[in-house]
Protein backbone atom coordinates (compact mmCIF):
# COMPACT_ATOMS: atom_id res chain seq x y z
CA MET A 1 -65.14 12.82 -28.63
CA SER A 2 -61.69 11.62 -29.64
CA LEU A 3 -61.08 8.14 -31.05
CA ASP A 4 -57.38 8.28 -31.80
CA THR A 5 -55.90 5.15 -30.20
CA ILE A 6 -56.39 1.55 -31.19
CA PHE A 7 -55.75 -1.71 -29.28
CA VAL A 8 -55.97 -4.63 -31.65
CA ASN A 9 -56.49 -7.82 -29.63
CA ILE A 10 -55.31 -11.10 -31.04
CA PRO A 11 -55.37 -14.58 -29.45
CA VAL A 12 -52.02 -16.36 -29.72
CA ASN A 13 -50.98 -19.97 -29.13
CA ASP A 14 -47.84 -19.20 -27.18
CA LEU A 15 -47.78 -15.86 -25.38
CA ASP A 16 -44.05 -15.88 -24.62
CA ARG A 17 -43.16 -16.74 -28.24
CA SER A 18 -45.40 -13.91 -29.47
CA ILE A 19 -43.93 -11.39 -27.04
CA THR A 20 -40.41 -12.40 -28.21
CA PHE A 21 -41.46 -12.08 -31.86
CA TYR A 22 -43.09 -8.67 -31.52
CA SER A 23 -40.26 -7.40 -29.33
CA ALA A 24 -37.84 -8.36 -32.12
CA MET A 25 -40.05 -6.31 -34.48
CA GLY A 26 -39.32 -3.26 -32.31
CA PHE A 27 -42.72 -3.20 -30.54
CA THR A 28 -42.37 -2.34 -26.84
CA PRO A 29 -44.31 -3.78 -23.88
CA HIS A 30 -46.89 -1.39 -22.51
CA PRO A 31 -45.90 -0.26 -19.01
CA VAL A 32 -49.36 -1.01 -17.58
CA PHE A 33 -51.42 -3.32 -19.83
CA ARG A 34 -49.70 -6.63 -19.26
CA GLY A 35 -50.04 -9.51 -16.93
CA GLU A 36 -50.82 -13.19 -16.72
CA GLY A 37 -52.38 -14.26 -19.99
CA ALA A 38 -51.91 -11.01 -21.93
CA SER A 39 -49.36 -8.42 -22.97
CA CYS A 40 -49.97 -5.18 -24.80
CA MET A 41 -47.22 -4.30 -27.27
CA CYS A 42 -46.91 -0.65 -28.35
CA ILE A 43 -46.33 -0.15 -32.05
CA SER A 44 -46.58 3.61 -31.88
CA GLU A 45 -48.08 6.23 -29.57
CA TYR A 46 -51.53 5.40 -30.86
CA ILE A 47 -51.30 1.83 -32.21
CA ASN A 48 -51.11 -1.23 -29.96
CA VAL A 49 -51.48 -4.97 -30.37
CA VAL A 50 -52.68 -6.94 -27.34
CA LEU A 51 -51.40 -10.51 -27.36
CA GLN A 52 -53.64 -12.79 -25.40
CA SER A 53 -53.57 -16.48 -24.56
CA HIS A 54 -56.63 -18.28 -25.82
CA GLU A 55 -57.89 -18.69 -22.29
CA HIS A 56 -57.56 -14.98 -21.61
CA PHE A 57 -59.15 -13.99 -24.90
CA LYS A 58 -62.19 -16.15 -24.23
CA GLN A 59 -63.16 -13.73 -21.39
CA PHE A 60 -64.29 -11.28 -24.05
CA THR A 61 -66.22 -13.44 -26.49
CA ASP A 62 -68.24 -16.60 -26.56
CA LYS A 63 -67.47 -17.12 -30.25
CA PRO A 64 -64.94 -19.78 -31.29
CA ILE A 65 -61.39 -18.60 -31.87
CA VAL A 66 -60.33 -19.07 -35.48
CA ASN A 67 -56.99 -20.45 -36.53
CA PRO A 68 -55.27 -17.62 -38.47
CA ALA A 69 -52.88 -20.17 -40.01
CA GLN A 70 -55.86 -21.77 -41.82
CA SER A 71 -58.21 -18.84 -42.51
CA THR A 72 -58.04 -15.07 -42.74
CA GLY A 73 -60.50 -12.77 -41.02
CA VAL A 74 -58.41 -9.63 -40.91
CA LEU A 75 -55.38 -8.07 -42.57
CA LEU A 76 -53.38 -5.84 -40.26
CA CYS A 77 -51.83 -2.97 -42.17
CA LEU A 78 -49.22 -0.38 -41.13
CA HIS A 79 -47.81 2.64 -42.94
CA CYS A 80 -43.99 2.84 -43.17
CA ASP A 81 -41.72 5.82 -43.82
CA SER A 82 -40.11 4.38 -46.98
CA PRO A 83 -39.85 1.26 -49.15
CA ALA A 84 -36.59 0.45 -47.31
CA HIS A 85 -38.45 0.62 -44.01
CA VAL A 86 -41.02 -1.83 -45.40
CA ASP A 87 -38.28 -4.21 -46.55
CA ASP A 88 -36.36 -3.91 -43.27
CA LEU A 89 -39.41 -4.82 -41.18
CA VAL A 90 -40.17 -7.82 -43.39
CA LYS A 91 -36.58 -9.04 -43.06
CA THR A 92 -36.78 -8.54 -39.28
CA ALA A 93 -40.04 -10.52 -39.09
CA VAL A 94 -38.60 -13.42 -41.06
CA LYS A 95 -35.47 -13.45 -38.93
CA ALA A 96 -37.62 -13.44 -35.77
CA GLY A 97 -39.64 -16.51 -36.89
CA GLY A 98 -42.29 -15.14 -39.20
CA THR A 99 -42.65 -15.79 -42.92
CA SER A 100 -43.06 -13.66 -46.01
CA PRO A 101 -45.23 -15.65 -48.41
CA THR A 102 -45.44 -12.95 -51.09
CA GLU A 103 -43.05 -10.71 -52.98
CA ALA A 104 -42.88 -6.95 -52.55
CA LYS A 105 -45.08 -5.01 -54.98
CA ASP A 106 -44.64 -1.53 -56.30
CA TYR A 107 -47.90 -0.12 -57.65
CA GLY A 108 -46.42 3.25 -58.61
CA PHE A 109 -48.28 5.14 -55.90
CA LEU A 110 -47.77 2.52 -53.18
CA TYR A 111 -44.98 0.13 -52.19
CA SER A 112 -46.29 -2.94 -50.33
CA HIS A 113 -44.91 -6.08 -48.73
CA GLY A 114 -45.80 -8.10 -45.68
CA PHE A 115 -45.22 -10.92 -43.31
CA THR A 116 -47.09 -13.57 -41.41
CA ASP A 117 -46.39 -13.88 -37.67
CA PRO A 118 -45.80 -17.30 -36.00
CA ASP A 119 -49.54 -17.70 -35.36
CA GLY A 120 -50.55 -16.92 -38.93
CA TYR A 121 -51.67 -13.30 -38.63
CA ILE A 122 -50.96 -11.35 -41.81
CA TRP A 123 -49.36 -7.93 -41.53
CA ILE A 124 -49.21 -5.74 -44.63
CA LEU A 125 -46.60 -2.95 -44.64
CA ASN A 126 -47.20 -0.07 -47.04
CA HIS A 127 -45.39 3.08 -48.06
CA ILE A 128 -47.52 5.58 -49.94
CA TYR A 129 -45.37 7.71 -52.23
CA PRO A 130 -45.78 11.44 -51.78
CA THR A 131 -47.81 13.19 -54.46
CA THR A 132 -46.43 16.20 -56.27
């Protein structure tokens, strides 16, 4: 059994705004998984984020939808090719309407920085330095 692809589903307040934001980040709309109330954005061949209106998202759960601008239930992390790639994506996110509430950190083995999208979801971008 292969489990090599992930679709992270997040409820968003304004689907069009979120599609615009994630498109600016370089994510591409999935050719099939999109429609009224939802749009899958491809991050890579195996990583996807599915943006869903609250109404659409409620089809899949009877639990209340949290406000990610007020509480954190998940940190979304991606690996980048270099520290410059990390910094470039953070700059792109801020330019597209996100924020970067923390400074970049270099831990010696890992370079890390991140951004918060317009809904409040936190994305951490890491570059792990190669070992010798």
